PDB file of all heavy atoms in Angstrom:
ATOM      1  N   ALA A   1      91.463 104.379 104.514  1.00  0.00           N
ATOM      2  CA  ALA A   1      91.236 102.989 104.119  1.00  0.00           C
ATOM      3  C   ALA A   1      91.949 102.671 102.815  1.00  0.00           C
ATOM      4  O   ALA A   1      92.177 103.546 101.972  1.00  0.00           O
ATOM      5  CB  ALA A   1      89.744 102.700 103.971  1.00  0.00           C
ATOM      6  N   ILE A   2      92.311 101.407 102.665  1.00  0.00           N
ATOM      7  CA  ILE A   2      92.756 100.839 101.399  1.00  0.00           C
ATOM      8  C   ILE A   2      91.860  99.634 101.165  1.00  0.00           C
ATOM      9  O   ILE A   2      91.940  98.636 101.905  1.00  0.00           O
ATOM     10  CB  ILE A   2      94.228 100.413 101.417  1.00  0.00           C
ATOM     11  CG1 ILE A   2      95.143 101.622 101.604  1.00  0.00           C
ATOM     12  CG2 ILE A   2      94.591  99.675 100.133  1.00  0.00           C
ATOM     13  CD1 ILE A   2      96.619 101.271 101.694  1.00  0.00           C
ATOM     14  N   GLY A   3      90.999  99.717 100.164  1.00  0.00           N
ATOM     15  CA  GLY A   3      90.012  98.665  99.982  1.00  0.00           C
ATOM     16  C   GLY A   3      89.146  98.556 101.225  1.00  0.00           C
ATOM     17  O   GLY A   3      88.624  99.562 101.720  1.00  0.00           O
ATOM     18  N   ASP A   4      89.041  97.348 101.752  1.00  0.00           N
ATOM     19  CA  ASP A   4      88.244  97.127 102.964  1.00  0.00           C
ATOM     20  C   ASP A   4      89.066  97.212 104.243  1.00  0.00           C
ATOM     21  O   ASP A   4      88.541  96.998 105.341  1.00  0.00           O
ATOM     22  CB  ASP A   4      87.557  95.754 102.908  1.00  0.00           C
ATOM     23  CG  ASP A   4      86.463  95.694 101.850  1.00  0.00           C
ATOM     24  OD1 ASP A   4      86.032  96.762 101.384  1.00  0.00           O
ATOM     25  OD2 ASP A   4      86.047  94.566 101.485  1.00  0.00           O
ATOM     26  N   ILE A   5      90.364  97.503 104.127  1.00  0.00           N
ATOM     27  CA  ILE A   5      91.222  97.644 105.307  1.00  0.00           C
ATOM     28  C   ILE A   5      91.096  99.072 105.811  1.00  0.00           C
ATOM     29  O   ILE A   5      91.427 100.027 105.104  1.00  0.00           O
ATOM     30  CB  ILE A   5      92.690  97.327 104.987  1.00  0.00           C
ATOM     31  CG1 ILE A   5      92.814  95.972 104.282  1.00  0.00           C
ATOM     32  CG2 ILE A   5      93.526  97.374 106.261  1.00  0.00           C
ATOM     33  CD1 ILE A   5      92.299  94.811 105.098  1.00  0.00           C
ATOM     34  N   ARG A   6      90.623  99.225 107.042  1.00  0.00           N
ATOM     35  CA  ARG A   6      90.330 100.563 107.564  1.00  0.00           C
ATOM     36  C   ARG A   6      91.234 100.922 108.744  1.00  0.00           C
ATOM     37  O   ARG A   6      91.666 100.053 109.504  1.00  0.00           O
ATOM     38  CB  ARG A   6      88.860 100.657 107.980  1.00  0.00           C
ATOM     39  CG  ARG A   6      87.930 100.353 106.815  1.00  0.00           C
ATOM     40  CD  ARG A   6      86.491 100.780 107.063  1.00  0.00           C
ATOM     41  NE  ARG A   6      85.713 100.624 105.832  1.00  0.00           N
ATOM     42  CZ  ARG A   6      85.677 101.515 104.866  1.00  0.00           C
ATOM     43  NH1 ARG A   6      86.361 102.638 104.983  1.00  0.00           N
ATOM     44  NH2 ARG A   6      84.958 101.302 103.778  1.00  0.00           N
ATOM     45  N   LEU A   7      91.482 102.211 108.867  1.00  0.00           N
ATOM     46  CA  LEU A   7      92.337 102.710 109.947  1.00  0.00           C
ATOM     47  C   LEU A   7      91.661 102.562 111.300  1.00  0.00           C
ATOM     48  O   LEU A   7      92.301 102.221 112.294  1.00  0.00           O
ATOM     49  CB  LEU A   7      92.675 104.186 109.686  1.00  0.00           C
ATOM     50  CG  LEU A   7      93.734 104.821 110.571  1.00  0.00           C
ATOM     51  CD1 LEU A   7      95.072 104.121 110.401  1.00  0.00           C
ATOM     52  CD2 LEU A   7      93.871 106.302 110.225  1.00  0.00           C
ATOM     53  N   GLY A   8      90.355 102.833 111.324  1.00  0.00           N
ATOM     54  CA  GLY A   8      89.607 102.712 112.580  1.00  0.00           C
ATOM     55  C   GLY A   8      90.119 103.664 113.638  1.00  0.00           C
ATOM     56  O   GLY A   8      90.408 104.826 113.366  1.00  0.00           O
ATOM     57  N   HIS A   9      90.271 103.146 114.860  1.00  0.00           N
ATOM     58  CA  HIS A   9      90.673 103.991 115.988  1.00  0.00           C
ATOM     59  C   HIS A   9      92.161 103.826 116.344  1.00  0.00           C
ATOM     60  O   HIS A   9      92.569 104.152 117.463  1.00  0.00           O
ATOM     61  CB  HIS A   9      89.815 103.666 117.208  1.00  0.00           C
ATOM     62  CG  HIS A   9      88.346 103.921 116.995  1.00  0.00           C
ATOM     63  ND1 HIS A   9      87.830 105.187 116.823  1.00  0.00           N
ATOM     64  CD2 HIS A   9      87.301 103.060 116.889  1.00  0.00           C
ATOM     65  CE1 HIS A   9      86.523 105.107 116.637  1.00  0.00           C
ATOM     66  NE2 HIS A   9      86.174 103.827 116.672  1.00  0.00           N
ATOM     67  N   LEU A  10      92.942 103.330 115.404  1.00  0.00           N
ATOM     68  CA  LEU A  10      94.377 103.173 115.654  1.00  0.00           C
ATOM     69  C   LEU A  10      95.014 104.528 115.922  1.00  0.00           C
ATOM     70  O   LEU A  10      94.840 105.476 115.161  1.00  0.00           O
ATOM     71  CB  LEU A  10      95.044 102.518 114.434  1.00  0.00           C
ATOM     72  CG  LEU A  10      96.539 102.211 114.545  1.00  0.00           C
ATOM     73  CD1 LEU A  10      96.802 101.186 115.635  1.00  0.00           C
ATOM     74  CD2 LEU A  10      97.074 101.712 113.203  1.00  0.00           C
ATOM     75  N   MET A  11      95.751 104.624 117.021  1.00  0.00           N
ATOM     76  CA  MET A  11      96.361 105.892 117.415  1.00  0.00           C
ATOM     77  C   MET A  11      97.473 106.289 116.463  1.00  0.00           C
ATOM     78  O   MET A  11      98.183 105.437 115.919  1.00  0.00           O
ATOM     79  CB  MET A  11      96.908 105.790 118.844  1.00  0.00           C
ATOM     80  CG  MET A  11      95.844 105.648 119.913  1.00  0.00           C
ATOM     81  SD  MET A  11      96.579 105.478 121.565  1.00  0.00           S
ATOM     82  CE  MET A  11      97.478 107.032 121.694  1.00  0.00           C
ATOM     83  N   GLU A  12      97.636 107.573 116.258  1.00  0.00           N
ATOM     84  CA  GLU A  12      98.685 108.101 115.396  1.00  0.00           C
ATOM     85  C   GLU A  12     100.059 107.664 115.890  1.00  0.00           C
ATOM     86  O   GLU A  12     100.358 107.732 117.086  1.00  0.00           O
ATOM     87  CB  GLU A  12      98.593 109.622 115.348  1.00  0.00           C
ATOM     88  CG  GLU A  12      99.421 110.256 114.253  1.00  0.00           C
ATOM     89  CD  GLU A  12      99.136 111.740 114.108  1.00  0.00           C
ATOM     90  OE1 GLU A  12      98.133 112.103 113.469  1.00  0.00           O
ATOM     91  OE2 GLU A  12      99.910 112.529 114.678  1.00  0.00           O
ATOM     92  N   GLY A  13     100.892 107.195 114.971  1.00  0.00           N
ATOM     93  CA  GLY A  13     102.225 106.743 115.334  1.00  0.00           C
ATOM     94  C   GLY A  13     102.295 105.301 115.785  1.00  0.00           C
ATOM     95  O   GLY A  13     103.382 104.781 116.045  1.00  0.00           O
ATOM     96  N   HIS A  14     101.142 104.641 115.865  1.00  0.00           N
ATOM     97  CA  HIS A  14     101.090 103.251 116.310  1.00  0.00           C
ATOM     98  C   HIS A  14     100.803 102.331 115.122  1.00  0.00           C
ATOM     99  O   HIS A  14     100.424 102.783 114.047  1.00  0.00           O
ATOM    100  CB  HIS A  14     100.021 103.066 117.381  1.00  0.00           C
ATOM    101  CG  HIS A  14     100.361 103.691 118.695  1.00  0.00           C
ATOM    102  ND1 HIS A  14     100.397 102.991 119.871  1.00  0.00           N
ATOM    103  CD2 HIS A  14     100.686 104.972 119.020  1.00  0.00           C
ATOM    104  CE1 HIS A  14     100.733 103.799 120.873  1.00  0.00           C
ATOM    105  NE2 HIS A  14     100.914 105.006 120.374  1.00  0.00           N
ATOM    106  N   TYR A  15     100.968 101.022 115.361  1.00  0.00           N
ATOM    107  CA  TYR A  15     100.641 100.047 114.328  1.00  0.00           C
ATOM    108  C   TYR A  15      99.870  98.898 114.958  1.00  0.00           C
ATOM    109  O   TYR A  15      99.860  98.709 116.170  1.00  0.00           O
ATOM    110  CB  TYR A  15     101.903  99.517 113.633  1.00  0.00           C
ATOM    111  CG  TYR A  15     102.776  98.617 114.485  1.00  0.00           C
ATOM    112  CD1 TYR A  15     102.504  97.254 114.615  1.00  0.00           C
ATOM    113  CD2 TYR A  15     103.886  99.121 115.163  1.00  0.00           C
ATOM    114  CE1 TYR A  15     103.296  96.431 115.399  1.00  0.00           C
ATOM    115  CE2 TYR A  15     104.691  98.303 115.943  1.00  0.00           C
ATOM    116  CZ  TYR A  15     104.385  96.963 116.049  1.00  0.00           C
ATOM    117  OH  TYR A  15     105.168  96.138 116.830  1.00  0.00           O
ATOM    118  N   ARG A  16      99.216  98.140 114.096  1.00  0.00           N
ATOM    119  CA  ARG A  16      98.568  96.904 114.530  1.00  0.00           C
ATOM    120  C   ARG A  16      98.782  95.851 113.438  1.00  0.00           C
ATOM    121  O   ARG A  16      98.939  96.176 112.258  1.00  0.00           O
ATOM    122  CB  ARG A  16      97.067  97.104 114.755  1.00  0.00           C
ATOM    123  CG  ARG A  16      96.266  97.382 113.488  1.00  0.00           C
ATOM    124  CD  ARG A  16      94.760  97.324 113.739  1.00  0.00           C
ATOM    125  NE  ARG A  16      93.988  97.656 112.554  1.00  0.00           N
ATOM    126  CZ  ARG A  16      93.688  96.807 111.590  1.00  0.00           C
ATOM    127  NH1 ARG A  16      94.112  95.548 111.656  1.00  0.00           N
ATOM    128  NH2 ARG A  16      92.965  97.190 110.541  1.00  0.00           N
ATOM    129  N   LYS A  17      98.816  94.585 113.830  1.00  0.00           N
ATOM    130  CA  LYS A  17      98.937  93.521 112.847  1.00  0.00           C
ATOM    131  C   LYS A  17      97.588  93.282 112.182  1.00  0.00           C
ATOM    132  O   LYS A  17      96.544  93.386 112.812  1.00  0.00           O
ATOM    133  CB  LYS A  17      99.439  92.243 113.517  1.00  0.00           C
ATOM    134  CG  LYS A  17     100.895  92.339 113.973  1.00  0.00           C
ATOM    135  CD  LYS A  17     101.429  90.998 114.443  1.00  0.00           C
ATOM    136  CE  LYS A  17     102.908  91.098 114.791  1.00  0.00           C
ATOM    137  NZ  LYS A  17     103.464  89.788 115.228  1.00  0.00           N
ATOM    138  N   LEU A  18      97.627  92.984 110.894  1.00  0.00           N
ATOM    139  CA  LEU A  18      96.397  92.667 110.192  1.00  0.00           C
ATOM    140  C   LEU A  18      95.856  91.333 110.682  1.00  0.00           C
ATOM    141  O   LEU A  18      96.614  90.430 111.046  1.00  0.00           O
ATOM    142  CB  LEU A  18      96.643  92.585 108.672  1.00  0.00           C
ATOM    143  CG  LEU A  18      96.461  93.877 107.879  1.00  0.00           C
ATOM    144  CD1 LEU A  18      97.514  94.906 108.273  1.00  0.00           C
ATOM    145  CD2 LEU A  18      96.531  93.609 106.378  1.00  0.00           C
ATOM    146  N   THR A  19      94.550  91.219 110.693  1.00  0.00           N
ATOM    147  CA  THR A  19      93.922  89.965 111.080  1.00  0.00           C
ATOM    148  C   THR A  19      94.048  88.957 109.936  1.00  0.00           C
ATOM    149  O   THR A  19      94.332  89.323 108.786  1.00  0.00           O
ATOM    150  CB  THR A  19      92.435  90.164 111.395  1.00  0.00           C
ATOM    151  OG1 THR A  19      91.750  90.558 110.189  1.00  0.00           O
ATOM    152  CG2 THR A  19      92.236  91.245 112.459  1.00  0.00           C
ATOM    153  N   LYS A  20      93.830  87.709 110.236  1.00  0.00           N
ATOM    154  CA  LYS A  20      93.875  86.670 109.209  1.00  0.00           C
ATOM    155  C   LYS A  20      92.861  86.965 108.111  1.00  0.00           C
ATOM    156  O   LYS A  20      93.152  86.798 106.919  1.00  0.00           O
ATOM    157  CB  LYS A  20      93.595  85.306 109.841  1.00  0.00           C
ATOM    158  CG  LYS A  20      93.658  84.149 108.849  1.00  0.00           C
ATOM    159  CD  LYS A  20      93.396  82.822 109.539  1.00  0.00           C
ATOM    160  CE  LYS A  20      93.445  81.670 108.536  1.00  0.00           C
ATOM    161  NZ  LYS A  20      93.171  80.359 109.196  1.00  0.00           N
ATOM    162  N   LYS A  21      91.695  87.440 108.506  1.00  0.00           N
ATOM    163  CA  LYS A  21      90.650  87.767 107.532  1.00  0.00           C
ATOM    164  C   LYS A  21      91.096  88.910 106.621  1.00  0.00           C
ATOM    165  O   LYS A  21      90.858  88.883 105.403  1.00  0.00           O
ATOM    166  CB  LYS A  21      89.359  88.143 108.259  1.00  0.00           C
ATOM    167  CG  LYS A  21      88.185  88.418 107.337  1.00  0.00           C
ATOM    168  CD  LYS A  21      86.923  88.721 108.137  1.00  0.00           C
ATOM    169  CE  LYS A  21      85.746  88.993 107.207  1.00  0.00           C
ATOM    170  NZ  LYS A  21      84.506  89.293 107.989  1.00  0.00           N
ATOM    171  N   GLU A  22      91.753  89.923 107.191  1.00  0.00           N
ATOM    172  CA  GLU A  22      92.232  91.059 106.397  1.00  0.00           C
ATOM    173  C   GLU A  22      93.320  90.624 105.408  1.00  0.00           C
ATOM    174  O   GLU A  22      93.348  91.076 104.262  1.00  0.00           O
ATOM    175  CB  GLU A  22      92.746  92.166 107.320  1.00  0.00           C
ATOM    176  CG  GLU A  22      91.647  92.906 108.068  1.00  0.00           C
ATOM    177  CD  GLU A  22      92.205  93.896 109.066  1.00  0.00           C
ATOM    178  OE1 GLU A  22      93.265  93.609 109.671  1.00  0.00           O
ATOM    179  OE2 GLU A  22      91.573  94.955 109.271  1.00  0.00           O
ATOM    180  N   ILE A  23      94.226  89.758 105.865  1.00  0.00           N
ATOM    181  CA  ILE A  23      95.289  89.270 104.995  1.00  0.00           C
ATOM    182  C   ILE A  23      94.700  88.471 103.841  1.00  0.00           C
ATOM    183  O   ILE A  23      95.087  88.635 102.680  1.00  0.00           O
ATOM    184  CB  ILE A  23      96.295  88.407 105.787  1.00  0.00           C
ATOM    185  CG1 ILE A  23      97.017  89.279 106.836  1.00  0.00           C
ATOM    186  CG2 ILE A  23      97.322  87.780 104.842  1.00  0.00           C
ATOM    187  CD1 ILE A  23      97.837  88.476 107.827  1.00  0.00           C
ATOM    188  N   GLU A  24      93.735  87.608 104.151  1.00  0.00           N
ATOM    189  CA  GLU A  24      93.081  86.823 103.095  1.00  0.00           C
ATOM    190  C   GLU A  24      92.368  87.720 102.103  1.00  0.00           C
ATOM    191  O   GLU A  24      92.388  87.467 100.893  1.00  0.00           O
ATOM    192  CB  GLU A  24      92.100  85.837 103.734  1.00  0.00           C
ATOM    193  CG  GLU A  24      92.777  84.703 104.499  1.00  0.00           C
ATOM    194  CD  GLU A  24      91.794  83.821 105.237  1.00  0.00           C
ATOM    195  OE1 GLU A  24      90.592  84.220 105.320  1.00  0.00           O
ATOM    196  OE2 GLU A  24      92.198  82.755 105.727  1.00  0.00           O
ATOM    197  N   TYR A  25      91.753  88.789 102.603  1.00  0.00           N
ATOM    198  CA  TYR A  25      91.075  89.732 101.715  1.00  0.00           C
ATOM    199  C   TYR A  25      92.068  90.394 100.754  1.00  0.00           C
ATOM    200  O   TYR A  25      91.832  90.453  99.546  1.00  0.00           O
ATOM    201  CB  TYR A  25      90.358  90.809 102.532  1.00  0.00           C
ATOM    202  CG  TYR A  25      90.070  92.073 101.750  1.00  0.00           C
ATOM    203  CD1 TYR A  25      89.084  92.088 100.770  1.00  0.00           C
ATOM    204  CD2 TYR A  25      90.810  93.225 101.964  1.00  0.00           C
ATOM    205  CE1 TYR A  25      88.843  93.233 100.014  1.00  0.00           C
ATOM    206  CE2 TYR A  25      90.582  94.369 101.225  1.00  0.00           C
ATOM    207  CZ  TYR A  25      89.591  94.367 100.257  1.00  0.00           C
ATOM    208  OH  TYR A  25      89.376  95.500  99.508  1.00  0.00           O
ATOM    209  N   LEU A  26      93.193  90.872 101.282  1.00  0.00           N
ATOM    210  CA  LEU A  26      94.196  91.526 100.440  1.00  0.00           C
ATOM    211  C   LEU A  26      94.754  90.568  99.392  1.00  0.00           C
ATOM    212  O   LEU A  26      94.944  90.941  98.229  1.00  0.00           O
ATOM    213  CB  LEU A  26      95.329  92.090 101.306  1.00  0.00           C
ATOM    214  CG  LEU A  26      94.977  93.294 102.170  1.00  0.00           C
ATOM    215  CD1 LEU A  26      96.150  93.664 103.064  1.00  0.00           C
ATOM    216  CD2 LEU A  26      94.573  94.486 101.315  1.00  0.00           C
ATOM    217  N   LYS A  27      95.002  89.332  99.784  1.00  0.00           N
ATOM    218  CA  LYS A  27      95.535  88.350  98.841  1.00  0.00           C
ATOM    219  C   LYS A  27      94.512  87.978  97.780  1.00  0.00           C
ATOM    220  O   LYS A  27      94.878  87.610  96.661  1.00  0.00           O
ATOM    221  CB  LYS A  27      96.015  87.110  99.583  1.00  0.00           C
ATOM    222  CG  LYS A  27      97.269  87.348 100.410  1.00  0.00           C
ATOM    223  CD  LYS A  27      97.795  86.071 101.043  1.00  0.00           C
ATOM    224  CE  LYS A  27      99.121  86.319 101.754  1.00  0.00           C
ATOM    225  NZ  LYS A  27      99.681  85.084 102.356  1.00  0.00           N
TER     226      LYS A  27
END
């Protein structure tokens, strides 16, 4: 994790786009 952004069940070598809520949190 970085802050409240968590890896969760994302498979190794894969990516996912951040949600609008996650982007707002980081900003």
